[in-house]
Structures are given as structure tokens and as C-alpha cells.
């Protein structure tokens, strides 16, 4: 609050700081209220299994790796190959 009480600030600057602080506080309070309401409606309960489970029996989430390199569409058009394969049309040896 030292910015609002600083002696060199004009009235406009003080009002702007006060408005920014009030808006920030109201947004924070509203986010807390919304989060609390969601938790009241659908609380998340975390529990642990009483018996140990081997690692290989745990379901593994899917992982998608997206390369940064782009494929030249003129050399290989994956959409066209997919649509041909889906329509049961024959694919060439290159495809």
C-alpha cells in the first residue's frame, strides 16, 4: 500500500492503484469461491490401496510424442494415404 500512500502520487494514480487492487482482490476471492463450490459439489477423494500392487499391473498412460520437424506434403500426404486405406483402395508400393 506504500504506492497509494506515496506523497508524490497524484489523485489519478492513487485511484488507479486502488482500482487495480480492488479488481485483483475480487478476482482472487471469486476464484476461491468457484473452487470451493466445485469441491463441495464433487469432492476429490484420494485413497491408497491397502495391499501392494506390482508396477507391471498398473495402467500406463498413453504418451504422444510430437516431433518438431514438419513432413513435406508434396513427398508424403498422410491424410490421402489414410483416406485411401480407409476406403479399401489399393496403395502403391511407395505408400
C-alpha atoms as a PDB file:
ATOM      1  CA  UNK A   1       0.000   0.000   0.000  1.00  0.00           C
ATOM      2  CA  UNK A   2       3.037   2.303   0.009  1.00  0.00           C
ATOM      3  CA  UNK A   3       2.304   3.081  -3.659  1.00  0.00           C
ATOM      4  CA  UNK A   4      -1.090   4.514  -2.770  1.00  0.00           C
ATOM      5  CA  UNK A   5       0.195   6.485   0.228  1.00  0.00           C
ATOM      6  CA  UNK A   6       3.309   7.867  -1.514  1.00  0.00           C
ATOM      7  CA  UNK A   7       3.317  11.688  -1.257  1.00  0.00           C
ATOM      8  CA  UNK A   8       4.362  12.269  -4.881  1.00  0.00           C
ATOM      9  CA  UNK A   9       1.457  10.337  -6.420  1.00  0.00           C
ATOM     10  CA  UNK A  10      -1.390  12.240  -7.983  1.00  0.00           C
ATOM     11  CA  UNK A  11      -5.017  11.532  -7.196  1.00  0.00           C
ATOM     12  CA  UNK A  12      -5.454   9.771 -10.561  1.00  0.00           C
ATOM     13  CA  UNK A  13      -2.524   7.440  -9.837  1.00  0.00           C
ATOM     14  CA  UNK A  14      -3.876   6.639  -6.375  1.00  0.00           C
ATOM     15  CA  UNK A  15      -7.309   5.881  -7.785  1.00  0.00           C
ATOM     16  CA  UNK A  16      -5.792   3.646 -10.485  1.00  0.00           C
ATOM     17  CA  UNK A  17      -3.779   1.728  -7.873  1.00  0.00           C
ATOM     18  CA  UNK A  18      -6.842   1.377  -5.658  1.00  0.00           C
ATOM     19  CA  UNK A  19      -8.956   0.132  -8.584  1.00  0.00           C
ATOM     20  CA  UNK A  20      -6.279  -2.383  -9.595  1.00  0.00           C
ATOM     21  CA  UNK A  21      -6.002  -3.673  -6.018  1.00  0.00           C
ATOM     22  CA  UNK A  22      -9.782  -3.977  -5.643  1.00  0.00           C
ATOM     23  CA  UNK A  23     -10.147  -5.772  -9.003  1.00  0.00           C
ATOM     24  CA  UNK A  24      -7.296  -8.157  -8.128  1.00  0.00           C
ATOM     25  CA  UNK A  25      -8.768  -8.969  -4.738  1.00  0.00           C
ATOM     26  CA  UNK A  26     -12.239  -9.514  -6.175  1.00  0.00           C
ATOM     27  CA  UNK A  27     -10.877 -11.854  -8.884  1.00  0.00           C
ATOM     28  CA  UNK A  28      -8.923 -13.828  -6.279  1.00  0.00           C
ATOM     29  CA  UNK A  29     -11.936 -14.105  -3.990  1.00  0.00           C
ATOM     30  CA  UNK A  30     -14.198 -15.163  -6.851  1.00  0.00           C
ATOM     31  CA  UNK A  31     -11.678 -17.840  -7.919  1.00  0.00           C
ATOM     32  CA  UNK A  32     -11.584 -19.158  -4.359  1.00  0.00           C
ATOM     33  CA  UNK A  33     -15.388 -19.215  -4.156  1.00  0.00           C
ATOM     34  CA  UNK A  34     -15.713 -21.031  -7.503  1.00  0.00           C
ATOM     35  CA  UNK A  35     -13.079 -23.571  -6.482  1.00  0.00           C
ATOM     36  CA  UNK A  36     -14.789 -24.140  -3.149  1.00  0.00           C
ATOM     37  CA  UNK A  37     -18.167 -24.619  -4.831  1.00  0.00           C
ATOM     38  CA  UNK A  38     -16.670 -27.176  -7.249  1.00  0.00           C
ATOM     39  CA  UNK A  39     -15.080 -29.017  -4.340  1.00  0.00           C
ATOM     40  CA  UNK A  40     -18.398 -29.018  -2.437  1.00  0.00           C
ATOM     41  CA  UNK A  41     -20.247 -30.428  -5.459  1.00  0.00           C
ATOM     42  CA  UNK A  42     -17.658 -33.020  -6.488  1.00  0.00           C
ATOM     43  CA  UNK A  43     -15.019 -33.547  -3.809  1.00  0.00           C
ATOM     44  CA  UNK A  44     -11.883 -35.362  -4.835  1.00  0.00           C
ATOM     45  CA  UNK A  45     -11.043 -38.220  -2.513  1.00  0.00           C
ATOM     46  CA  UNK A  46      -7.560 -39.673  -2.672  1.00  0.00           C
ATOM     47  CA  UNK A  47      -7.071 -43.123  -1.236  1.00  0.00           C
ATOM     48  CA  UNK A  48      -4.317 -45.671  -1.271  1.00  0.00           C
ATOM     49  CA  UNK A  49      -4.698 -49.400  -1.765  1.00  0.00           C
ATOM     50  CA  UNK A  50      -4.052 -51.372   1.426  1.00  0.00           C
ATOM     51  CA  UNK A  51      -2.312 -54.162  -0.495  1.00  0.00           C
ATOM     52  CA  UNK A  52       0.798 -53.616  -2.636  1.00  0.00           C
ATOM     53  CA  UNK A  53       0.389 -53.832  -6.402  1.00  0.00           C
ATOM     54  CA  UNK A  54       3.296 -54.674  -8.719  1.00  0.00           C
ATOM     55  CA  UNK A  55       4.359 -51.922 -11.111  1.00  0.00           C
ATOM     56  CA  UNK A  56       3.609 -54.032 -14.203  1.00  0.00           C
ATOM     57  CA  UNK A  57      -0.064 -54.274 -13.184  1.00  0.00           C
ATOM     58  CA  UNK A  58      -0.544 -50.508 -13.025  1.00  0.00           C
ATOM     59  CA  UNK A  59      -2.182 -48.991 -16.120  1.00  0.00           C
ATOM     60  CA  UNK A  60       0.295 -46.914 -18.069  1.00  0.00           C
ATOM     61  CA  UNK A  61      -0.962 -43.625 -19.516  1.00  0.00           C
ATOM     62  CA  UNK A  62      -0.714 -43.037 -23.239  1.00  0.00           C
ATOM     63  CA  UNK A  63       2.185 -40.901 -24.373  1.00  0.00           C
ATOM     64  CA  UNK A  64       2.187 -38.938 -27.610  1.00  0.00           C
ATOM     65  CA  UNK A  65       5.455 -37.574 -28.911  1.00  0.00           C
ATOM     66  CA  UNK A  66       5.101 -34.792 -31.448  1.00  0.00           C
ATOM     67  CA  UNK A  67       8.270 -34.169 -33.447  1.00  0.00           C
ATOM     68  CA  UNK A  68       9.219 -30.598 -34.215  1.00  0.00           C
ATOM     69  CA  UNK A  69      10.118 -31.396 -37.830  1.00  0.00           C
ATOM     70  CA  UNK A  70       7.444 -30.973 -40.462  1.00  0.00           C
ATOM     71  CA  UNK A  71       6.664 -33.516 -43.169  1.00  0.00           C
ATOM     72  CA  UNK A  72       6.703 -32.226 -46.729  1.00  0.00           C
ATOM     73  CA  UNK A  73       3.138 -32.782 -48.002  1.00  0.00           C
ATOM     74  CA  UNK A  74       4.363 -32.964 -51.585  1.00  0.00           C
ATOM     75  CA  UNK A  75       6.525 -36.003 -50.721  1.00  0.00           C
ATOM     76  CA  UNK A  76       4.104 -37.769 -48.359  1.00  0.00           C
ATOM     77  CA  UNK A  77       0.479 -36.877 -47.728  1.00  0.00           C
ATOM     78  CA  UNK A  78      -0.604 -38.872 -44.701  1.00  0.00           C
ATOM     79  CA  UNK A  79      -4.229 -37.762 -44.939  1.00  0.00           C
ATOM     80  CA  UNK A  80      -4.520 -39.027 -48.504  1.00  0.00           C
ATOM     81  CA  UNK A  81      -2.932 -42.374 -47.629  1.00  0.00           C
ATOM     82  CA  UNK A  82      -5.218 -42.738 -44.617  1.00  0.00           C
ATOM     83  CA  UNK A  83      -8.327 -41.973 -46.638  1.00  0.00           C
ATOM     84  CA  UNK A  84      -7.319 -44.449 -49.356  1.00  0.00           C
ATOM     85  CA  UNK A  85      -6.637 -47.172 -46.812  1.00  0.00           C
ATOM     86  CA  UNK A  86      -9.930 -46.458 -45.082  1.00  0.00           C
ATOM     87  CA  UNK A  87     -11.828 -46.677 -48.374  1.00  0.00           C
ATOM     88  CA  UNK A  88     -10.094 -50.042 -49.069  1.00  0.00           C
ATOM     89  CA  UNK A  89      -8.404 -48.672 -52.159  1.00  0.00           C
ATOM     90  CA  UNK A  90      -5.068 -50.187 -53.039  1.00  0.00           C
ATOM     91  CA  UNK A  91      -1.989 -48.343 -52.023  1.00  0.00           C
ATOM     92  CA  UNK A  92       1.071 -48.041 -54.200  1.00  0.00           C
ATOM     93  CA  UNK A  93       4.398 -49.526 -53.175  1.00  0.00           C
ATOM     94  CA  UNK A  94       5.664 -46.064 -52.221  1.00  0.00           C
ATOM     95  CA  UNK A  95       2.767 -45.521 -49.869  1.00  0.00           C
END
